[in-house]
PDB file of all heavy atoms in Angstrom:
ATOM      1  N   ILE A   1      47.922  46.639 -64.554  1.00  0.00           N
ATOM      2  CA  ILE A   1      48.109  45.274 -65.035  1.00  0.00           C
ATOM      3  C   ILE A   1      47.980  44.299 -63.875  1.00  0.00           C
ATOM      4  O   ILE A   1      47.308  43.266 -63.980  1.00  0.00           O
ATOM      5  CB  ILE A   1      49.475  45.127 -65.730  1.00  0.00           C
ATOM      6  CG1 ILE A   1      49.570  46.077 -66.928  1.00  0.00           C
ATOM      7  CG2 ILE A   1      49.706  43.686 -66.172  1.00  0.00           C
ATOM      8  CD1 ILE A   1      50.916  46.048 -67.616  1.00  0.00           C
ATOM      9  N   ALA A   2      48.621  44.627 -62.747  1.00  0.00           N
ATOM     10  CA  ALA A   2      48.531  43.765 -61.571  1.00  0.00           C
ATOM     11  C   ALA A   2      47.091  43.667 -61.076  1.00  0.00           C
ATOM     12  O   ALA A   2      46.595  42.564 -60.786  1.00  0.00           O
ATOM     13  CB  ALA A   2      49.437  44.307 -60.463  1.00  0.00           C
ATOM     14  N   ASP A   3      46.397  44.795 -60.986  1.00  0.00           N
ATOM     15  CA  ASP A   3      45.004  44.781 -60.541  1.00  0.00           C
ATOM     16  C   ASP A   3      44.135  43.991 -61.514  1.00  0.00           C
ATOM     17  O   ASP A   3      43.241  43.232 -61.104  1.00  0.00           O
ATOM     18  CB  ASP A   3      44.472  46.201 -60.414  1.00  0.00           C
ATOM     19  CG  ASP A   3      45.129  46.979 -59.286  1.00  0.00           C
ATOM     20  OD1 ASP A   3      45.708  46.325 -58.393  1.00  0.00           O
ATOM     21  OD2 ASP A   3      45.078  48.217 -59.304  1.00  0.00           O
ATOM     22  N   GLY A   4      44.406  44.159 -62.815  1.00  0.00           N
ATOM     23  CA  GLY A   4      43.613  43.455 -63.815  1.00  0.00           C
ATOM     24  C   GLY A   4      43.764  41.949 -63.717  1.00  0.00           C
ATOM     25  O   GLY A   4      42.795  41.203 -63.913  1.00  0.00           O
ATOM     26  N   ILE A   5      44.956  41.472 -63.400  1.00  0.00           N
ATOM     27  CA  ILE A   5      45.184  40.037 -63.237  1.00  0.00           C
ATOM     28  C   ILE A   5      44.372  39.500 -62.060  1.00  0.00           C
ATOM     29  O   ILE A   5      43.700  38.461 -62.165  1.00  0.00           O
ATOM     30  CB  ILE A   5      46.690  39.759 -63.043  1.00  0.00           C
ATOM     31  CG1 ILE A   5      47.441  39.993 -64.360  1.00  0.00           C
ATOM     32  CG2 ILE A   5      46.930  38.347 -62.524  1.00  0.00           C
ATOM     33  CD1 ILE A   5      48.944  39.940 -64.235  1.00  0.00           C
ATOM     34  N   GLU A   6      44.413  40.193 -60.935  1.00  0.00           N
ATOM     35  CA  GLU A   6      43.699  39.717 -59.752  1.00  0.00           C
ATOM     36  C   GLU A   6      42.188  39.803 -59.922  1.00  0.00           C
ATOM     37  O   GLU A   6      41.447  38.906 -59.488  1.00  0.00           O
ATOM     38  CB  GLU A   6      44.166  40.512 -58.530  1.00  0.00           C
ATOM     39  CG  GLU A   6      45.641  40.246 -58.188  1.00  0.00           C
ATOM     40  CD  GLU A   6      46.093  40.975 -56.935  1.00  0.00           C
ATOM     41  OE1 GLU A   6      45.319  41.810 -56.413  1.00  0.00           O
ATOM     42  OE2 GLU A   6      47.229  40.713 -56.469  1.00  0.00           O
ATOM     43  N   HIS A   7      41.705  40.854 -60.564  1.00  0.00           N
ATOM     44  CA  HIS A   7      40.263  40.978 -60.804  1.00  0.00           C
ATOM     45  C   HIS A   7      39.778  39.900 -61.771  1.00  0.00           C
ATOM     46  O   HIS A   7      38.697  39.326 -61.585  1.00  0.00           O
ATOM     47  CB  HIS A   7      39.932  42.365 -61.356  1.00  0.00           C
ATOM     48  CG  HIS A   7      40.103  43.464 -60.355  1.00  0.00           C
ATOM     49  ND1 HIS A   7      40.272  44.788 -60.706  1.00  0.00           N
ATOM     50  CD2 HIS A   7      40.147  43.435 -58.994  1.00  0.00           C
ATOM     51  CE1 HIS A   7      40.406  45.518 -59.613  1.00  0.00           C
ATOM     52  NE2 HIS A   7      40.339  44.719 -58.561  1.00  0.00           N
ATOM     53  N   ALA A   8      40.569  39.615 -62.798  1.00  0.00           N
ATOM     54  CA  ALA A   8      40.193  38.572 -63.751  1.00  0.00           C
ATOM     55  C   ALA A   8      40.142  37.208 -63.075  1.00  0.00           C
ATOM     56  O   ALA A   8      39.262  36.382 -63.362  1.00  0.00           O
ATOM     57  CB  ALA A   8      41.176  38.553 -64.918  1.00  0.00           C
ATOM     58  N   MET A   9      41.063  36.958 -62.143  1.00  0.00           N
ATOM     59  CA  MET A   9      41.054  35.681 -61.439  1.00  0.00           C
ATOM     60  C   MET A   9      39.810  35.540 -60.574  1.00  0.00           C
ATOM     61  O   MET A   9      39.190  34.467 -60.510  1.00  0.00           O
ATOM     62  CB  MET A   9      42.318  35.561 -60.568  1.00  0.00           C
ATOM     63  CG  MET A   9      42.466  34.186 -59.917  1.00  0.00           C
ATOM     64  SD  MET A   9      42.610  32.885 -61.151  1.00  0.00           S
ATOM     65  CE  MET A   9      42.112  31.458 -60.173  1.00  0.00           C
ATOM     66  N   ALA A  10      39.426  36.617 -59.912  1.00  0.00           N
ATOM     67  CA  ALA A  10      38.210  36.582 -59.096  1.00  0.00           C
ATOM     68  C   ALA A  10      36.987  36.284 -59.965  1.00  0.00           C
ATOM     69  O   ALA A  10      36.104  35.501 -59.576  1.00  0.00           O
ATOM     70  CB  ALA A  10      38.039  37.908 -58.360  1.00  0.00           C
ATOM     71  N   GLU A  11      36.946  36.883 -61.158  1.00  0.00           N
ATOM     72  CA  GLU A  11      35.801  36.643 -62.043  1.00  0.00           C
ATOM     73  C   GLU A  11      35.808  35.210 -62.563  1.00  0.00           C
ATOM     74  O   GLU A  11      34.748  34.568 -62.659  1.00  0.00           O
ATOM     75  CB  GLU A  11      35.822  37.628 -63.205  1.00  0.00           C
ATOM     76  CG  GLU A  11      34.611  37.477 -64.126  1.00  0.00           C
ATOM     77  CD  GLU A  11      34.587  38.492 -65.245  1.00  0.00           C
ATOM     78  OE1 GLU A  11      35.248  39.542 -65.120  1.00  0.00           O
ATOM     79  OE2 GLU A  11      33.913  38.228 -66.255  1.00  0.00           O
ATOM     80  N   LEU A  12      36.990  34.684 -62.905  1.00  0.00           N
ATOM     81  CA  LEU A  12      37.050  33.308 -63.388  1.00  0.00           C
ATOM     82  C   LEU A  12      36.629  32.318 -62.312  1.00  0.00           C
ATOM     83  O   LEU A  12      35.985  31.310 -62.602  1.00  0.00           O
ATOM     84  CB  LEU A  12      38.467  32.977 -63.866  1.00  0.00           C
ATOM     85  CG  LEU A  12      38.797  33.300 -65.319  1.00  0.00           C
ATOM     86  CD1 LEU A  12      40.231  32.907 -65.635  1.00  0.00           C
ATOM     87  CD2 LEU A  12      37.834  32.596 -66.279  1.00  0.00           C
ATOM     88  N   LEU A  13      36.983  32.590 -61.072  1.00  0.00           N
ATOM     89  CA  LEU A  13      36.544  31.719 -59.972  1.00  0.00           C
ATOM     90  C   LEU A  13      35.032  31.745 -59.835  1.00  0.00           C
ATOM     91  O   LEU A  13      34.398  30.710 -59.613  1.00  0.00           O
ATOM     92  CB  LEU A  13      37.210  32.146 -58.664  1.00  0.00           C
ATOM     93  CG  LEU A  13      38.665  31.725 -58.477  1.00  0.00           C
ATOM     94  CD1 LEU A  13      39.238  32.337 -57.205  1.00  0.00           C
ATOM     95  CD2 LEU A  13      38.777  30.197 -58.422  1.00  0.00           C
ATOM     96  N   ALA A  14      34.447  32.925 -59.979  1.00  0.00           N
ATOM     97  CA  ALA A  14      32.985  33.032 -59.928  1.00  0.00           C
ATOM     98  C   ALA A  14      32.356  32.260 -61.078  1.00  0.00           C
ATOM     99  O   ALA A  14      31.344  31.564 -60.898  1.00  0.00           O
ATOM    100  CB  ALA A  14      32.572  34.497 -59.959  1.00  0.00           C
ATOM    101  N   ARG A  15      32.934  32.367 -62.258  1.00  0.00           N
ATOM    102  CA  ARG A  15      32.406  31.646 -63.408  1.00  0.00           C
ATOM    103  C   ARG A  15      32.572  30.136 -63.230  1.00  0.00           C
ATOM    104  O   ARG A  15      31.752  29.342 -63.707  1.00  0.00           O
ATOM    105  CB  ARG A  15      33.126  32.101 -64.679  1.00  0.00           C
ATOM    106  CG  ARG A  15      32.947  33.578 -65.017  1.00  0.00           C
ATOM    107  CD  ARG A  15      31.545  33.880 -65.505  1.00  0.00           C
ATOM    108  NE  ARG A  15      31.300  33.323 -66.833  1.00  0.00           N
ATOM    109  CZ  ARG A  15      31.598  33.939 -67.961  1.00  0.00           C
ATOM    110  NH1 ARG A  15      32.189  35.141 -67.940  1.00  0.00           N
ATOM    111  NH2 ARG A  15      31.330  33.375 -69.117  1.00  0.00           N
ATOM    112  N   THR A  16      33.644  29.732 -62.543  1.00  0.00           N
ATOM    113  CA  THR A  16      33.859  28.313 -62.271  1.00  0.00           C
ATOM    114  C   THR A  16      32.759  27.763 -61.376  1.00  0.00           C
ATOM    115  O   THR A  16      32.248  26.652 -61.588  1.00  0.00           O
ATOM    116  CB  THR A  16      35.233  28.107 -61.609  1.00  0.00           C
ATOM    117  OG1 THR A  16      36.250  28.551 -62.496  1.00  0.00           O
ATOM    118  CG2 THR A  16      35.471  26.648 -61.264  1.00  0.00           C
ATOM    119  N   LYS A  17      32.371  28.532 -60.346  1.00  0.00           N
ATOM    120  CA  LYS A  17      31.292  28.095 -59.452  1.00  0.00           C
ATOM    121  C   LYS A  17      29.985  27.962 -60.220  1.00  0.00           C
ATOM    122  O   LYS A  17      29.211  27.021 -59.994  1.00  0.00           O
ATOM    123  CB  LYS A  17      31.142  29.091 -58.300  1.00  0.00           C
ATOM    124  CG  LYS A  17      32.328  29.112 -57.345  1.00  0.00           C
ATOM    125  CD  LYS A  17      32.138  30.140 -56.241  1.00  0.00           C
ATOM    126  CE  LYS A  17      33.339  30.174 -55.320  1.00  0.00           C
ATOM    127  NZ  LYS A  17      33.205  31.211 -54.250  1.00  0.00           N
ATOM    128  N   ILE A  18      29.727  28.891 -61.123  1.00  0.00           N
ATOM    129  CA  ILE A  18      28.503  28.820 -61.935  1.00  0.00           C
ATOM    130  C   ILE A  18      28.543  27.575 -62.817  1.00  0.00           C
ATOM    131  O   ILE A  18      27.546  26.850 -62.944  1.00  0.00           O
ATOM    132  CB  ILE A  18      28.358  30.094 -62.794  1.00  0.00           C
ATOM    133  CG1 ILE A  18      28.126  31.302 -61.891  1.00  0.00           C
ATOM    134  CG2 ILE A  18      27.219  29.942 -63.799  1.00  0.00           C
ATOM    135  CD1 ILE A  18      28.133  32.620 -62.643  1.00  0.00           C
ATOM    136  N   SER A  19      29.709  27.304 -63.416  1.00  0.00           N
ATOM    137  CA  SER A  19      29.844  26.126 -64.263  1.00  0.00           C
ATOM    138  C   SER A  19      29.612  24.847 -63.486  1.00  0.00           C
ATOM    139  O   SER A  19      28.940  23.922 -63.960  1.00  0.00           O
ATOM    140  CB  SER A  19      31.247  26.113 -64.900  1.00  0.00           C
ATOM    141  OG  SER A  19      31.444  24.960 -65.665  1.00  0.00           O
ATOM    142  N   ARG A  20      30.136  24.797 -62.266  1.00  0.00           N
ATOM    143  CA  ARG A  20      29.934  23.600 -61.438  1.00  0.00           C
ATOM    144  C   ARG A  20      28.482  23.431 -61.038  1.00  0.00           C
ATOM    145  O   ARG A  20      27.955  22.320 -61.036  1.00  0.00           O
ATOM    146  CB  ARG A  20      30.824  23.697 -60.193  1.00  0.00           C
ATOM    147  CG  ARG A  20      32.290  23.422 -60.465  1.00  0.00           C
ATOM    148  CD  ARG A  20      33.098  23.620 -59.218  1.00  0.00           C
ATOM    149  NE  ARG A  20      34.484  23.240 -59.421  1.00  0.00           N
ATOM    150  CZ  ARG A  20      35.461  23.498 -58.558  1.00  0.00           C
ATOM    151  NH1 ARG A  20      35.177  24.146 -57.427  1.00  0.00           N
ATOM    152  NH2 ARG A  20      36.694  23.126 -58.808  1.00  0.00           N
ATOM    153  N   SER A  21      27.825  24.533 -60.686  1.00  0.00           N
ATOM    154  CA  SER A  21      26.416  24.439 -60.272  1.00  0.00           C
ATOM    155  C   SER A  21      25.550  23.949 -61.420  1.00  0.00           C
ATOM    156  O   SER A  21      24.590  23.195 -61.212  1.00  0.00           O
ATOM    157  CB  SER A  21      25.929  25.799 -59.775  1.00  0.00           C
ATOM    158  OG  SER A  21      25.913  26.753 -60.813  1.00  0.00           O
ATOM    159  N   ARG A  22      25.895  24.353 -62.641  1.00  0.00           N
ATOM    160  CA  ARG A  22      25.138  23.877 -63.794  1.00  0.00           C
ATOM    161  C   ARG A  22      25.345  22.386 -64.006  1.00  0.00           C
ATOM    162  O   ARG A  22      24.414  21.680 -64.389  1.00  0.00           O
ATOM    163  CB  ARG A  22      25.550  24.660 -65.042  1.00  0.00           C
ATOM    164  CG  ARG A  22      25.031  26.098 -65.046  1.00  0.00           C
ATOM    165  CD  ARG A  22      25.566  26.869 -66.237  1.00  0.00           C
ATOM    166  NE  ARG A  22      25.019  28.220 -66.272  1.00  0.00           N
ATOM    167  CZ  ARG A  22      25.436  29.174 -67.105  1.00  0.00           C
ATOM    168  NH1 ARG A  22      26.428  28.908 -67.969  1.00  0.00           N
ATOM    169  NH2 ARG A  22      24.891  30.378 -67.074  1.00  0.00           N
ATOM    170  N   ARG A  23      26.554  21.923 -63.750  1.00  0.00           N
ATOM    171  CA  ARG A  23      26.799  20.489 -63.891  1.00  0.00           C
ATOM    172  C   ARG A  23      26.043  19.699 -62.835  1.00  0.00           C
ATOM    173  O   ARG A  23      25.579  18.596 -63.087  1.00  0.00           O
ATOM    174  CB  ARG A  23      28.302  20.199 -63.798  1.00  0.00           C
ATOM    175  CG  ARG A  23      29.085  20.663 -65.009  1.00  0.00           C
ATOM    176  CD  ARG A  23      30.409  19.924 -65.119  1.00  0.00           C
ATOM    177  NE  ARG A  23      31.244  20.135 -63.947  1.00  0.00           N
ATOM    178  CZ  ARG A  23      32.127  21.115 -63.842  1.00  0.00           C
ATOM    179  NH1 ARG A  23      32.264  21.986 -64.831  1.00  0.00           N
ATOM    180  NH2 ARG A  23      32.863  21.236 -62.769  1.00  0.00           N
ATOM    181  N   VAL A  24      25.947  20.276 -61.643  1.00  0.00           N
ATOM    182  CA  VAL A  24      25.192  19.614 -60.582  1.00  0.00           C
ATOM    183  C   VAL A  24      23.715  19.533 -60.953  1.00  0.00           C
ATOM    184  O   VAL A  24      23.044  18.515 -60.745  1.00  0.00           O
ATOM    185  CB  VAL A  24      25.389  20.354 -59.241  1.00  0.00           C
ATOM    186  CG1 VAL A  24      24.426  19.819 -58.192  1.00  0.00           C
ATOM    187  CG2 VAL A  24      26.824  20.216 -58.769  1.00  0.00           C
ATOM    188  N   GLU A  25      23.175  20.625 -61.518  1.00  0.00           N
ATOM    189  CA  GLU A  25      21.779  20.624 -61.942  1.00  0.00           C
ATOM    190  C   GLU A  25      21.522  19.604 -63.044  1.00  0.00           C
ATOM    191  O   GLU A  25      20.430  19.032 -63.136  1.00  0.00           O
ATOM    192  CB  GLU A  25      21.391  22.018 -62.441  1.00  0.00           C
ATOM    193  CG  GLU A  25      21.346  23.071 -61.345  1.00  0.00           C
ATOM    194  CD  GLU A  25      21.109  24.459 -61.899  1.00  0.00           C
ATOM    195  OE1 GLU A  25      20.981  24.581 -63.138  1.00  0.00           O
ATOM    196  OE2 GLU A  25      21.074  25.410 -61.104  1.00  0.00           O
TER     197      GLU A  25
END
């Protein structure tokens, strides 16, 4: 459960960067 929380946060941060780059485009 602890590992899953941290891995999910890393993925959400990556998805956030993708979302921002799309807004910039």
